PDB file of N, CA and C in Angstrom:
ATOM      1  N   MET A   1     -13.715  27.809 -14.426  1.00  0.00           N
ATOM      2  CA  MET A   1     -12.167  27.418 -13.702  1.00  0.00           C
ATOM      3  C   MET A   1     -11.574  26.835 -15.435  1.00  0.00           C
ATOM      4  N   GLU A   2     -10.144  27.434 -14.927  1.00  0.00           N
ATOM      5  CA  GLU A   2      -9.317  27.115 -16.263  1.00  0.00           C
ATOM      6  C   GLU A   2      -8.494  25.756 -16.167  1.00  0.00           C
ATOM      7  N   PHE A   3      -8.619  25.069 -17.037  1.00  0.00           N
ATOM      8  CA  PHE A   3      -7.265  23.650 -16.704  1.00  0.00           C
ATOM      9  C   PHE A   3      -5.831  23.927 -17.243  1.00  0.00           C
ATOM     10  N   LEU A   4      -4.988  23.522 -16.585  1.00  0.00           N
ATOM     11  CA  LEU A   4      -3.511  23.834 -16.381  1.00  0.00           C
ATOM     12  C   LEU A   4      -2.999  22.674 -17.608  1.00  0.00           C
ATOM     13  N   PRO A   5      -1.754  23.338 -18.165  1.00  0.00           N
ATOM     14  CA  PRO A   5      -1.466  22.094 -18.939  1.00  0.00           C
ATOM     15  C   PRO A   5      -0.696  21.220 -18.324  1.00  0.00           C
ATOM     16  N   GLU A   6      -0.381  19.842 -18.493  1.00  0.00           N
ATOM     17  CA  GLU A   6       0.810  19.323 -17.899  1.00  0.00           C
ATOM     18  C   GLU A   6       1.763  19.704 -16.988  1.00  0.00           C
ATOM     19  N   SER A   7       2.491  20.709 -18.348  1.00  0.00           N
ATOM     20  CA  SER A   7       3.865  21.413 -17.818  1.00  0.00           C
ATOM     21  C   SER A   7       3.569  22.225 -16.948  1.00  0.00           C
ATOM     22  N   ALA A   8       2.347  23.435 -16.870  1.00  0.00           N
ATOM     23  CA  ALA A   8       1.975  23.754 -15.658  1.00  0.00           C
ATOM     24  C   ALA A   8       1.845  23.481 -14.346  1.00  0.00           C
ATOM     25  N   ILE A   9       1.118  22.168 -14.539  1.00  0.00           N
ATOM     26  CA  ILE A   9       0.785  21.259 -13.145  1.00  0.00           C
ATOM     27  C   ILE A   9       2.148  20.954 -12.708  1.00  0.00           C
ATOM     28  N   ALA A  10       2.664  20.768 -13.727  1.00  0.00           N
ATOM     29  CA  ALA A  10       4.458  19.654 -12.746  1.00  0.00           C
ATOM     30  C   ALA A  10       5.542  20.843 -12.048  1.00  0.00           C
ATOM     31  N   LEU A  11       5.098  22.056 -12.889  1.00  0.00           N
ATOM     32  CA  LEU A  11       5.896  23.695 -12.334  1.00  0.00           C
ATOM     33  C   LEU A  11       5.130  23.870 -10.972  1.00  0.00           C
ATOM     34  N   VAL A  12       3.567  23.766 -10.995  1.00  0.00           N
ATOM     35  CA  VAL A  12       3.232  24.535  -9.708  1.00  0.00           C
ATOM     36  C   VAL A  12       3.419  23.465  -8.459  1.00  0.00           C
ATOM     37  N   LEU A  13       3.447  22.244  -8.967  1.00  0.00           N
ATOM     38  CA  LEU A  13       3.690  21.090  -7.985  1.00  0.00           C
ATOM     39  C   LEU A  13       5.489  21.353  -7.260  1.00  0.00           C
ATOM     40  N   GLN A  14       6.652  21.549  -8.217  1.00  0.00           N
ATOM     41  CA  GLN A  14       7.476  21.775  -7.980  1.00  0.00           C
ATOM     42  C   GLN A  14       7.834  23.074  -7.288  1.00  0.00           C
ATOM     43  N   ASP A  15       6.912  24.031  -7.227  1.00  0.00           N
ATOM     44  CA  ASP A  15       6.959  25.283  -6.602  1.00  0.00           C
ATOM     45  C   ASP A  15       6.863  24.566  -5.492  1.00  0.00           C
ATOM     46  N   PHE A  16       6.346  23.811  -4.830  1.00  0.00           N
ATOM     47  CA  PHE A  16       5.725  23.658  -3.366  1.00  0.00           C
ATOM     48  C   PHE A  16       6.586  22.582  -3.256  1.00  0.00           C
ATOM     49  N   GLY A  17       7.325  22.035  -3.459  1.00  0.00           N
ATOM     50  CA  GLY A  17       8.508  21.358  -3.075  1.00  0.00           C
ATOM     51  C   GLY A  17       8.197  20.044  -3.492  1.00  0.00           C
ATOM     52  N   PHE A  18       7.413  19.581  -4.631  1.00  0.00           N
ATOM     53  CA  PHE A  18       7.188  18.063  -5.105  1.00  0.00           C
ATOM     54  C   PHE A  18       7.499  18.041  -6.342  1.00  0.00           C
ATOM     55  N   ARG A  19       8.275  17.086  -6.607  1.00  0.00           N
ATOM     56  CA  ARG A  19       8.548  16.424  -7.873  1.00  0.00           C
ATOM     57  C   ARG A  19       7.976  15.192  -7.968  1.00  0.00           C
ATOM     58  N   ILE A  20       7.454  15.251  -9.131  1.00  0.00           N
ATOM     59  CA  ILE A  20       6.734  14.061  -9.918  1.00  0.00           C
ATOM     60  C   ILE A  20       7.554  12.890  -9.881  1.00  0.00           C
ATOM     61  N   SER A  21       8.207  12.891 -10.425  1.00  0.00           N
ATOM     62  CA  SER A  21       9.386  11.560 -10.268  1.00  0.00           C
ATOM     63  C   SER A  21       9.080  11.093  -9.113  1.00  0.00           C
ATOM     64  N   ALA A  22       9.641  12.082  -7.852  1.00  0.00           N
ATOM     65  CA  ALA A  22       9.806  11.554  -6.757  1.00  0.00           C
ATOM     66  C   ALA A  22       8.311  10.877  -5.981  1.00  0.00           C
ATOM     67  N   LEU A  23       7.287  11.372  -6.726  1.00  0.00           N
ATOM     68  CA  LEU A  23       5.897  11.180  -6.043  1.00  0.00           C
ATOM     69  C   LEU A  23       5.569   9.909  -6.691  1.00  0.00           C
ATOM     70  N   LEU A  24       6.110   9.562  -7.856  1.00  0.00           N
ATOM     71  CA  LEU A  24       5.751   8.301  -8.582  1.00  0.00           C
ATOM     72  C   LEU A  24       6.512   7.133  -7.820  1.00  0.00           C
ATOM     73  N   ALA A  25       8.031   7.550  -7.808  1.00  0.00           N
ATOM     74  CA  ALA A  25       8.529   6.355  -7.172  1.00  0.00           C
ATOM     75  C   ALA A  25       8.259   6.257  -5.753  1.00  0.00           C
ATOM     76  N   ASN A  26       7.882   6.918  -4.867  1.00  0.00           N
ATOM     77  CA  ASN A  26       7.081   6.837  -3.203  1.00  0.00           C
ATOM     78  C   ASN A  26       5.983   6.127  -3.342  1.00  0.00           C
ATOM     79  N   THR A  27       5.061   6.358  -4.908  1.00  0.00           N
ATOM     80  CA  THR A  27       3.512   5.369  -4.670  1.00  0.00           C
ATOM     81  C   THR A  27       4.128   4.072  -4.996  1.00  0.00           C
ATOM     82  N   VAL A  28       5.184   3.691  -5.915  1.00  0.00           N
ATOM     83  CA  VAL A  28       5.259   2.363  -6.467  1.00  0.00           C
ATOM     84  C   VAL A  28       6.099   2.000  -5.190  1.00  0.00           C
ATOM     85  N   ASN A  29       6.609   2.359  -4.415  1.00  0.00           N
ATOM     86  CA  ASN A  29       7.703   1.972  -2.869  1.00  0.00           C
ATOM     87  C   ASN A  29       6.486   1.410  -2.131  1.00  0.00           C
ATOM     88  N   TYR A  30       5.671   2.190  -2.061  1.00  0.00           N
ATOM     89  CA  TYR A  30       4.345   2.016  -0.877  1.00  0.00           C
ATOM     90  C   TYR A  30       3.266   0.866  -1.275  1.00  0.00           C
ATOM     91  N   ALA A  31       3.091   1.070  -2.570  1.00  0.00           N
ATOM     92  CA  ALA A  31       2.055   0.116  -3.429  1.00  0.00           C
ATOM     93  C   ALA A  31       2.844  -1.490  -3.026  1.00  0.00           C
ATOM     94  N   PHE A  32       4.275  -1.739  -3.336  1.00  0.00           N
ATOM     95  CA  PHE A  32       4.834  -2.532  -3.332  1.00  0.00           C
ATOM     96  C   PHE A  32       5.075  -3.629  -1.903  1.00  0.00           C
ATOM     97  N   TYR A  33       5.418  -2.459  -0.890  1.00  0.00           N
ATOM     98  CA  TYR A  33       5.818  -2.897   0.537  1.00  0.00           C
ATOM     99  C   TYR A  33       4.274  -3.186   1.111  1.00  0.00           C
ATOM    100  N   ILE A  34       3.425  -3.019   0.768  1.00  0.00           N
ATOM    101  CA  ILE A  34       1.763  -2.679   1.305  1.00  0.00           C
ATOM    102  C   ILE A  34       1.477  -4.313   0.745  1.00  0.00           C
ATOM    103  N   LEU A  35       1.943  -4.537  -0.496  1.00  0.00           N
ATOM    104  CA  LEU A  35       1.058  -5.948  -1.338  1.00  0.00           C
ATOM    105  C   LEU A  35       2.062  -7.392  -0.599  1.00  0.00           C
ATOM    106  N   PHE A  36       3.510  -6.544  -0.352  1.00  0.00           N
ATOM    107  CA  PHE A  36       4.270  -7.676   0.347  1.00  0.00           C
ATOM    108  C   PHE A  36       3.911  -8.055   1.265  1.00  0.00           C
ATOM    109  N   GLY A  37       3.572  -7.020   2.407  1.00  0.00           N
ATOM    110  CA  GLY A  37       2.669  -7.510   3.747  1.00  0.00           C
ATOM    111  C   GLY A  37       2.083  -8.515   3.865  1.00  0.00           C
ATOM    112  N   PHE A  38       0.815  -7.964   2.702  1.00  0.00           N
ATOM    113  CA  PHE A  38      -0.166  -8.820   2.120  1.00  0.00           C
ATOM    114  C   PHE A  38      -0.203 -10.196   2.313  1.00  0.00           C
ATOM    115  N   VAL A  39       1.086 -10.295   1.351  1.00  0.00           N
ATOM    116  CA  VAL A  39       1.298 -11.891   0.855  1.00  0.00           C
ATOM    117  C   VAL A  39       1.812 -12.678   2.201  1.00  0.00           C
ATOM    118  N   ILE A  40       2.865 -11.859   2.856  1.00  0.00           N
ATOM    119  CA  ILE A  40       3.597 -12.131   4.353  1.00  0.00           C
ATOM    120  C   ILE A  40       2.256 -12.576   5.007  1.00  0.00           C
ATOM    121  N   ALA A  41       1.257 -11.611   5.446  1.00  0.00           N
ATOM    122  CA  ALA A  41       0.118 -12.314   5.895  1.00  0.00           C
ATOM    123  C   ALA A  41      -0.611 -13.328   5.836  1.00  0.00           C
ATOM    124  N   TRP A  42      -0.462 -13.541   4.332  1.00  0.00           N
ATOM    125  CA  TRP A  42      -0.981 -14.710   3.991  1.00  0.00           C
ATOM    126  C   TRP A  42      -0.432 -15.831   4.125  1.00  0.00           C
ATOM    127  N   ILE A  43       0.754 -16.152   3.886  1.00  0.00           N
ATOM    128  CA  ILE A  43       1.756 -17.094   4.200  1.00  0.00           C
ATOM    129  C   ILE A  43       1.173 -17.256   5.821  1.00  0.00           C
ATOM    130  N   LEU A  44       1.479 -16.705   6.747  1.00  0.00           N
ATOM    131  CA  LEU A  44       1.233 -16.832   8.218  1.00  0.00           C
ATOM    132  C   LEU A  44      -0.023 -17.560   8.520  1.00  0.00           C
ATOM    133  N   PHE A  45      -0.996 -16.754   7.842  1.00  0.00           N
ATOM    134  CA  PHE A  45      -2.630 -17.556   8.120  1.00  0.00           C
ATOM    135  C   PHE A  45      -2.684 -18.480   7.271  1.00  0.00           C
ATOM    136  N   SER A  46      -2.212 -18.777   6.593  1.00  0.00           N
ATOM    137  CA  SER A  46      -1.983 -19.875   5.820  1.00  0.00           C
ATOM    138  C   SER A  46      -1.242 -21.230   6.489  1.00  0.00           C
ATOM    139  N   TRP A  47      -0.907 -21.062   7.526  1.00  0.00           N
ATOM    140  CA  TRP A  47       0.039 -22.069   8.645  1.00  0.00           C
ATOM    141  C   TRP A  47      -1.234 -22.616   9.855  1.00  0.00           C
ATOM    142  N   PHE A  48      -2.107 -21.542   9.896  1.00  0.00           N
ATOM    143  CA  PHE A  48      -3.396 -22.039  10.585  1.00  0.00           C
ATOM    144  C   PHE A  48      -4.771 -22.216   9.900  1.00  0.00           C
ATOM    145  N   PRO A  49      -4.842 -23.724   9.875  1.00  0.00           N
ATOM    146  CA  PRO A  49      -5.798 -24.018   8.630  1.00  0.00           C
ATOM    147  C   PRO A  49      -7.406 -23.410   9.331  1.00  0.00           C
ATOM    148  N   GLY A  50      -7.798 -22.936  10.816  1.00  0.00           N
ATOM    149  CA  GLY A  50      -8.903 -22.892  10.950  1.00  0.00           C
ATOM    150  C   GLY A  50      -9.175 -21.807  11.070  1.00  0.00           C
ATOM    151  N   TYR A  51     -10.567 -21.325  10.516  1.00  0.00           N
ATOM    152  CA  TYR A  51     -10.393 -19.700  10.463  1.00  0.00           C
ATOM    153  C   TYR A  51     -10.579 -18.797  11.883  1.00  0.00           C
ATOM    154  N   PRO A  52     -10.237 -18.148  12.447  1.00  0.00           N
ATOM    155  CA  PRO A  52     -10.110 -17.031  13.447  1.00  0.00           C
ATOM    156  C   PRO A  52     -11.875 -17.264  13.953  1.00  0.00           C
ATOM    157  N   SER A  53     -11.855 -17.324  15.279  1.00  0.00           N
ATOM    158  CA  SER A  53     -12.894 -17.369  16.363  1.00  0.00           C
ATOM    159  C   SER A  53     -13.332 -15.562  16.579  1.00  0.00           C
ATOM    160  N   SER A  54     -12.461 -14.651  16.610  1.00  0.00           N
ATOM    161  CA  SER A  54     -12.843 -13.479  16.792  1.00  0.00           C
ATOM    162  C   SER A  54     -13.314 -12.484  15.522  1.00  0.00           C
ATOM    163  N   PRO A  55     -14.342 -11.649  15.836  1.00  0.00           N
ATOM    164  CA  PRO A  55     -14.936 -11.210  14.641  1.00  0.00           C
ATOM    165  C   PRO A  55     -13.729  -9.972  14.023  1.00  0.00           C
ATOM    166  N   LEU A  56     -12.831  -9.482  14.837  1.00  0.00           N
ATOM    167  CA  LEU A  56     -11.731  -9.145  14.401  1.00  0.00           C
ATOM    168  C   LEU A  56     -10.910  -9.708  13.499  1.00  0.00           C
ATOM    169  N   PHE A  57     -10.514 -10.657  14.146  1.00  0.00           N
ATOM    170  CA  PHE A  57      -9.454 -11.602  12.841  1.00  0.00           C
ATOM    171  C   PHE A  57     -10.090 -12.000  11.901  1.00  0.00           C
ATOM    172  N   GLN A  58     -11.302 -12.055  11.665  1.00  0.00           N
ATOM    173  CA  GLN A  58     -12.300 -12.767  10.651  1.00  0.00           C
ATOM    174  C   GLN A  58     -12.061 -11.767   9.633  1.00  0.00           C
ATOM    175  N   GLY A  59     -12.343 -10.198  10.181  1.00  0.00           N
ATOM    176  CA  GLY A  59     -12.208  -9.308   9.130  1.00  0.00           C
ATOM    177  C   GLY A  59     -10.999  -9.122   8.395  1.00  0.00           C
ATOM    178  N   ILE A  60      -9.641  -9.368   9.359  1.00  0.00           N
ATOM    179  CA  ILE A  60      -8.313  -9.161   8.878  1.00  0.00           C
ATOM    180  C   ILE A  60      -8.640 -10.259   8.135  1.00  0.00           C
ATOM    181  N   TYR A  61      -8.368 -11.414   8.143  1.00  0.00           N
ATOM    182  CA  TYR A  61      -8.161 -12.803   7.352  1.00  0.00           C
ATOM    183  C   TYR A  61      -9.362 -12.466   6.248  1.00  0.00           C
ATOM    184  N   ASN A  62     -10.306 -12.023   6.099  1.00  0.00           N
ATOM    185  CA  ASN A  62     -10.874 -11.704   5.115  1.00  0.00           C
ATOM    186  C   ASN A  62     -10.535 -10.862   4.034  1.00  0.00           C
ATOM    187  N   ALA A  63     -10.076  -9.672   4.664  1.00  0.00           N
ATOM    188  CA  ALA A  63      -9.212  -8.571   4.074  1.00  0.00           C
ATOM    189  C   ALA A  63      -8.081  -8.963   3.115  1.00  0.00           C
ATOM    190  N   VAL A  64      -7.260  -9.729   4.164  1.00  0.00           N
ATOM    191  CA  VAL A  64      -6.127 -10.307   3.568  1.00  0.00           C
ATOM    192  C   VAL A  64      -6.351 -11.179   2.540  1.00  0.00           C
ATOM    193  N   GLY A  65      -7.436 -11.973   2.322  1.00  0.00           N
ATOM    194  CA  GLY A  65      -7.943 -12.678   1.424  1.00  0.00           C
ATOM    195  C   GLY A  65      -8.359 -12.139   0.225  1.00  0.00           C
ATOM    196  N   ALA A  66      -9.390 -11.242   0.378  1.00  0.00           N
ATOM    197  CA  ALA A  66      -9.550 -10.152  -0.937  1.00  0.00           C
ATOM    198  C   ALA A  66      -8.426  -9.665  -1.384  1.00  0.00           C
ATOM    199  N   VAL A  67      -7.287  -9.433  -0.567  1.00  0.00           N
ATOM    200  CA  VAL A  67      -6.090  -8.598  -1.275  1.00  0.00           C
ATOM    201  C   VAL A  67      -5.319  -9.837  -2.332  1.00  0.00           C
ATOM    202  N   VAL A  68      -5.296 -10.633  -1.634  1.00  0.00           N
ATOM    203  CA  VAL A  68      -3.958 -11.276  -1.974  1.00  0.00           C
ATOM    204  C   VAL A  68      -4.269 -12.727  -3.089  1.00  0.00           C
ATOM    205  N   ASN A  69      -6.015 -13.140  -3.053  1.00  0.00           N
ATOM    206  CA  ASN A  69      -6.394 -14.075  -4.074  1.00  0.00           C
ATOM    207  C   ASN A  69      -6.390 -14.079  -5.190  1.00  0.00           C
ATOM    208  N   PRO A  70      -6.589 -12.472  -5.464  1.00  0.00           N
ATOM    209  CA  PRO A  70      -6.578 -12.314  -7.229  1.00  0.00           C
ATOM    210  C   PRO A  70      -5.548 -12.525  -7.753  1.00  0.00           C
ATOM    211  N   ILE A  71      -4.750 -12.600  -6.570  1.00  0.00           N
ATOM    212  CA  ILE A  71      -3.225 -12.604  -7.317  1.00  0.00           C
ATOM    213  C   ILE A  71      -2.737 -13.860  -7.418  1.00  0.00           C
ATOM    214  N   MET A  72      -3.150 -14.909  -6.017  1.00  0.00           N
ATOM    215  CA  MET A  72      -2.627 -15.946  -6.430  1.00  0.00           C
ATOM    216  C   MET A  72      -3.344 -17.047  -6.764  1.00  0.00           C
ATOM    217  N   MET A  73      -4.367 -17.042  -6.986  1.00  0.00           N
ATOM    218  CA  MET A  73      -5.207 -17.410  -7.754  1.00  0.00           C
ATOM    219  C   MET A  73      -4.788 -18.163  -9.039  1.00  0.00           C
ATOM    220  N   PRO A  74      -4.935 -17.051  -9.755  1.00  0.00           N
ATOM    221  CA  PRO A  74      -3.709 -17.480 -11.329  1.00  0.00           C
ATOM    222  C   PRO A  74      -2.910 -18.275 -11.246  1.00  0.00           C
ATOM    223  N   ILE A  75      -1.861 -18.015 -10.392  1.00  0.00           N
ATOM    224  CA  ILE A  75      -0.612 -18.869 -10.322  1.00  0.00           C
ATOM    225  C   ILE A  75      -0.655 -20.310  -9.702  1.00  0.00           C
ATOM    226  N   ARG A  76      -1.701 -20.315  -8.590  1.00  0.00           N
ATOM    227  CA  ARG A  76      -1.871 -21.658  -8.050  1.00  0.00           C
ATOM    228  C   ARG A  76      -2.903 -22.203  -8.907  1.00  0.00           C
ATOM    229  N   SER A  77      -3.766 -21.974  -9.884  1.00  0.00           N
ATOM    230  CA  SER A  77      -4.271 -22.991 -10.892  1.00  0.00           C
ATOM    231  C   SER A  77      -3.339 -23.630 -11.997  1.00  0.00           C
ATOM    232  N   ARG A  78      -2.176 -22.877 -12.153  1.00  0.00           N
ATOM    233  CA  ARG A  78      -1.391 -23.485 -13.079  1.00  0.00           C
ATOM    234  C   ARG A  78       0.007 -24.356 -12.518  1.00  0.00           C
ATOM    235  N   ILE A  79       0.289 -23.894 -11.338  1.00  0.00           N
ATOM    236  CA  ILE A  79       1.504 -24.303 -10.477  1.00  0.00           C
ATOM    237  C   ILE A  79       0.885 -25.534  -9.300  1.00  0.00           C
ATOM    238  N   PRO A  80       0.827 -26.590  -9.552  1.00  0.00           N
ATOM    239  CA  PRO A  80       0.571 -27.511  -8.602  1.00  0.00           C
ATOM    240  C   PRO A  80       1.781 -27.410  -7.052  1.00  0.00           C
ATOM    241  N   PRO A  81       1.027 -27.498  -5.907  1.00  0.00           N
ATOM    242  CA  PRO A  81       2.321 -27.543  -4.950  1.00  0.00           C
ATOM    243  C   PRO A  81       2.994 -28.527  -5.163  1.00  0.00           C
ATOM    244  N   LEU A  82       4.201 -28.915  -4.608  1.00  0.00           N
ATOM    245  CA  LEU A  82       5.043 -29.895  -4.497  1.00  0.00           C
ATOM    246  C   LEU A  82       4.882 -30.757  -3.505  1.00  0.00           C
ATOM    247  N   ASN A  83       4.907 -32.395  -3.543  1.00  0.00           N
ATOM    248  CA  ASN A  83       4.056 -32.928  -2.721  1.00  0.00           C
ATOM    249  C   ASN A  83       6.144 -33.307  -2.673  1.00  0.00           C
ATOM    250  N   LEU A  84       6.202 -33.405  -0.996  1.00  0.00           N
ATOM    251  CA  LEU A  84       7.317 -33.661  -0.535  1.00  0.00           C
ATOM    252  C   LEU A  84       7.155 -34.638   0.839  1.00  0.00           C
ATOM    253  N   GLY A  85       6.815 -35.649   0.362  1.00  0.00           N
ATOM    254  CA  GLY A  85       6.742 -36.793   1.330  1.00  0.00           C
ATOM    255  C   GLY A  85       5.081 -36.738   1.972  1.00  0.00           C
ATOM    256  N   GLY A  86       5.457 -36.312   3.456  1.00  0.00           N
ATOM    257  CA  GLY A  86       4.098 -35.938   4.005  1.00  0.00           C
ATOM    258  C   GLY A  86       3.459 -34.735   3.786  1.00  0.00           C
ATOM    259  N   PHE A  87       3.821 -33.725   3.256  1.00  0.00           N
ATOM    260  CA  PHE A  87       3.683 -32.130   3.199  1.00  0.00           C
ATOM    261  C   PHE A  87       3.711 -32.094   1.706  1.00  0.00           C
ATOM    262  N   ALA A  88       2.679 -30.645   1.417  1.00  0.00           N
ATOM    263  CA  ALA A  88       2.812 -30.257   0.165  1.00  0.00           C
ATOM    264  C   ALA A  88       3.498 -28.835   0.392  1.00  0.00           C
ATOM    265  N   LEU A  89       4.544 -28.162  -0.824  1.00  0.00           N
ATOM    266  CA  LEU A  89       4.976 -27.127  -0.374  1.00  0.00           C
ATOM    267  C   LEU A  89       4.449 -25.983  -1.817  1.00  0.00           C
ATOM    268  N   ASP A  90       3.916 -24.956  -1.348  1.00  0.00           N
ATOM    269  CA  ASP A  90       2.666 -24.016  -2.142  1.00  0.00           C
ATOM    270  C   ASP A  90       4.001 -23.003  -2.702  1.00  0.00           C
ATOM    271  N   LEU A  91       4.043 -22.909  -3.983  1.00  0.00           N
ATOM    272  CA  LEU A  91       5.456 -22.158  -4.608  1.00  0.00           C
ATOM    273  C   LEU A  91       4.649 -21.032  -4.906  1.00  0.00           C
ATOM    274  N   SER A  92       3.082 -20.793  -4.659  1.00  0.00           N
ATOM    275  CA  SER A  92       2.902 -19.348  -5.692  1.00  0.00           C
ATOM    276  C   SER A  92       3.196 -18.149  -4.921  1.00  0.00           C
ATOM    277  N   PRO A  93       3.166 -18.241  -3.313  1.00  0.00           N
ATOM    278  CA  PRO A  93       3.692 -16.876  -2.856  1.00  0.00           C
ATOM    279  C   PRO A  93       5.493 -16.627  -3.300  1.00  0.00           C
ATOM    280  N   ILE A  94       5.934 -17.488  -3.486  1.00  0.00           N
ATOM    281  CA  ILE A  94       7.184 -17.238  -3.975  1.00  0.00           C
ATOM    282  C   ILE A  94       7.362 -16.984  -5.333  1.00  0.00           C
ATOM    283  N   ILE A  95       6.300 -17.365  -5.842  1.00  0.00           N
ATOM    284  CA  ILE A  95       6.367 -16.359  -7.595  1.00  0.00           C
ATOM    285  C   ILE A  95       6.078 -14.972  -7.393  1.00  0.00           C
ATOM    286  N   VAL A  96       4.799 -15.044  -6.089  1.00  0.00           N
ATOM    287  CA  VAL A  96       4.472 -13.799  -6.299  1.00  0.00           C
ATOM    288  C   VAL A  96       5.410 -12.760  -6.113  1.00  0.00           C
ATOM    289  N   ILE A  97       6.269 -13.133  -4.921  1.00  0.00           N
ATOM    290  CA  ILE A  97       7.038 -12.236  -4.342  1.00  0.00           C
ATOM    291  C   ILE A  97       8.300 -11.747  -5.191  1.00  0.00           C
ATOM    292  N   PHE A  98       8.616 -12.544  -5.861  1.00  0.00           N
ATOM    293  CA  PHE A  98       9.409 -12.681  -7.012  1.00  0.00           C
ATOM    294  C   PHE A  98       8.805 -11.388  -8.237  1.00  0.00           C
ATOM    295  N   GLY A  99       7.886 -11.743  -8.389  1.00  0.00           N
ATOM    296  CA  GLY A  99       7.109 -11.201  -9.572  1.00  0.00           C
ATOM    297  C   GLY A  99       6.929  -9.459  -8.867  1.00  0.00           C
ATOM    298  N   LEU A 100       6.229  -9.386  -7.726  1.00  0.00           N
ATOM    299  CA  LEU A 100       6.602  -8.107  -7.110  1.00  0.00           C
ATOM    300  C   LEU A 100       7.953  -7.489  -7.135  1.00  0.00           C
ATOM    301  N   TYR A 101       8.862  -7.819  -6.975  1.00  0.00           N
ATOM    302  CA  TYR A 101      10.068  -7.463  -7.000  1.00  0.00           C
ATOM    303  C   TYR A 101      10.751  -6.796  -8.126  1.00  0.00           C
ATOM    304  N   ILE A 102      10.174  -8.056  -9.309  1.00  0.00           N
ATOM    305  CA  ILE A 102      10.403  -7.718 -10.803  1.00  0.00           C
ATOM    306  C   ILE A 102       9.896  -6.226 -11.234  1.00  0.00           C
ATOM    307  N   GLY A 103       8.583  -6.716 -10.620  1.00  0.00           N
ATOM    308  CA  GLY A 103       7.719  -5.021 -11.314  1.00  0.00           C
ATOM    309  C   GLY A 103       8.272  -3.809 -10.479  1.00  0.00           C
ATOM    310  N   ARG A 104       8.488  -3.969  -9.486  1.00  0.00           N
ATOM    311  CA  ARG A 104       8.914  -2.786  -8.848  1.00  0.00           C
ATOM    312  C   ARG A 104      10.142  -2.210  -9.353  1.00  0.00           C
ATOM    313  N   SER A 105      10.806  -3.088  -9.669  1.00  0.00           N
ATOM    314  CA  SER A 105      12.411  -2.533 -10.474  1.00  0.00           C
ATOM    315  C   SER A 105      12.326  -2.440 -11.869  1.00  0.00           C
ATOM    316  N   LEU A 106      11.239  -2.607 -12.384  1.00  0.00           N
ATOM    317  CA  LEU A 106      10.983  -2.182 -13.941  1.00  0.00           C
ATOM    318  C   LEU A 106      10.383  -1.006 -13.526  1.00  0.00           C
ATOM    319  N   LEU A 107       9.277  -0.832 -12.958  1.00  0.00           N
ATOM    320  CA  LEU A 107       8.967   0.676 -12.549  1.00  0.00           C
ATOM    321  C   LEU A 107       9.808   1.665 -12.246  1.00  0.00           C
ATOM    322  N   MET A 108      10.509   1.312 -11.770  1.00  0.00           N
ATOM    323  CA  MET A 108      12.140   2.327 -10.654  1.00  0.00           C
ATOM    324  C   MET A 108      12.616   2.446 -12.028  1.00  0.00           C
ATOM    325  N   LEU A 109      13.228   1.741 -12.970  1.00  0.00           N
ATOM    326  CA  LEU A 109      13.711   2.339 -14.206  1.00  0.00           C
ATOM    327  C   LEU A 109      13.414   3.059 -14.834  1.00  0.00           C
ATOM    328  N   VAL A 110      11.793   2.569 -15.118  1.00  0.00           N
ATOM    329  CA  VAL A 110      11.304   3.782 -15.815  1.00  0.00           C
ATOM    330  C   VAL A 110      11.050   5.214 -15.480  1.00  0.00           C
ATOM    331  N   ILE A 111      10.728   5.277 -14.236  1.00  0.00           N
ATOM    332  CA  ILE A 111      10.587   6.408 -13.664  1.00  0.00           C
ATOM    333  C   ILE A 111      11.999   7.356 -13.761  1.00  0.00           C
ATOM    334  N   ASP A 112      12.999   6.598 -13.430  1.00  0.00           N
ATOM    335  CA  ASP A 112      14.506   7.204 -13.205  1.00  0.00           C
ATOM    336  C   ASP A 112      15.053   7.331 -14.604  1.00  0.00           C
ATOM    337  N   ASN A 113      14.686   6.556 -15.677  1.00  0.00           N
ATOM    338  CA  ASN A 113      15.613   6.812 -16.953  1.00  0.00           C
ATOM    339  C   ASN A 113      14.077   7.341 -17.791  1.00  0.00           C
ATOM    340  N   PHE A 114      13.179   7.381 -17.290  1.00  0.00           N
ATOM    341  CA  PHE A 114      12.341   8.263 -18.333  1.00  0.00           C
ATOM    342  C   PHE A 114      11.469   9.609 -18.089  1.00  0.00           C
ATOM    343  N   ILE A 115      11.390   9.003 -16.800  1.00  0.00           N
ATOM    344  CA  ILE A 115      10.466  10.179 -16.117  1.00  0.00           C
ATOM    345  C   ILE A 115      11.036  11.502 -15.735  1.00  0.00           C
ATOM    346  N   ARG A 116      11.838  10.979 -14.751  1.00  0.00           N
ATOM    347  CA  ARG A 116      12.559  11.862 -14.213  1.00  0.00           C
ATOM    348  C   ARG A 116      13.224  12.993 -14.910  1.00  0.00           C
ATOM    349  N   PRO A 117      13.902  12.395 -16.125  1.00  0.00           N
ATOM    350  CA  PRO A 117      14.823  13.577 -17.140  1.00  0.00           C
ATOM    351  C   PRO A 117      13.556  14.783 -17.448  1.00  0.00           C
ATOM    352  N   VAL A 118      12.610  14.245 -17.719  1.00  0.00           N
ATOM    353  CA  VAL A 118      11.699  15.009 -18.375  1.00  0.00           C
ATOM    354  C   VAL A 118      11.122  16.020 -17.087  1.00  0.00           C
ATOM    355  N   THR A 119      10.397  15.635 -15.956  1.00  0.00           N
ATOM    356  CA  THR A 119       9.850  16.287 -15.286  1.00  0.00           C
ATOM    357  C   THR A 119      10.811  16.536 -14.159  1.00  0.00           C
ATOM    358  N   GLY A 120      11.838  16.319 -13.886  1.00  0.00           N
ATOM    359  CA  GLY A 120      12.657  16.729 -13.450  1.00  0.00           C
ATOM    360  C   GLY A 120      12.716  16.602 -11.934  1.00  0.00           C
TER     361      GLY A 120
END
């Protein structure tokens, strides 16, 4: 089996109606919205301090924690929560959401300005 050079692969994909830049842009957008959804779910779960009693909800809780904790914990360790009288406000989800927006914007700029002109 012979391997095709990258330009030939791009041409084959374009023959089938796919554009490399559009595939990359869609992948970046899907990854952004999936991570954004996990962060929002983590915020909602943090409002209810007890573990879920159902095995289904426990699995969802563990899955959300497994995705979000590696992102949140470095930020939480460096930025303590704000103590506002009787409650504390955790700023790490806000910083992660801003970081996701900035990361998506930078990746889309790279795709639009550097990848799309080359691949079409």
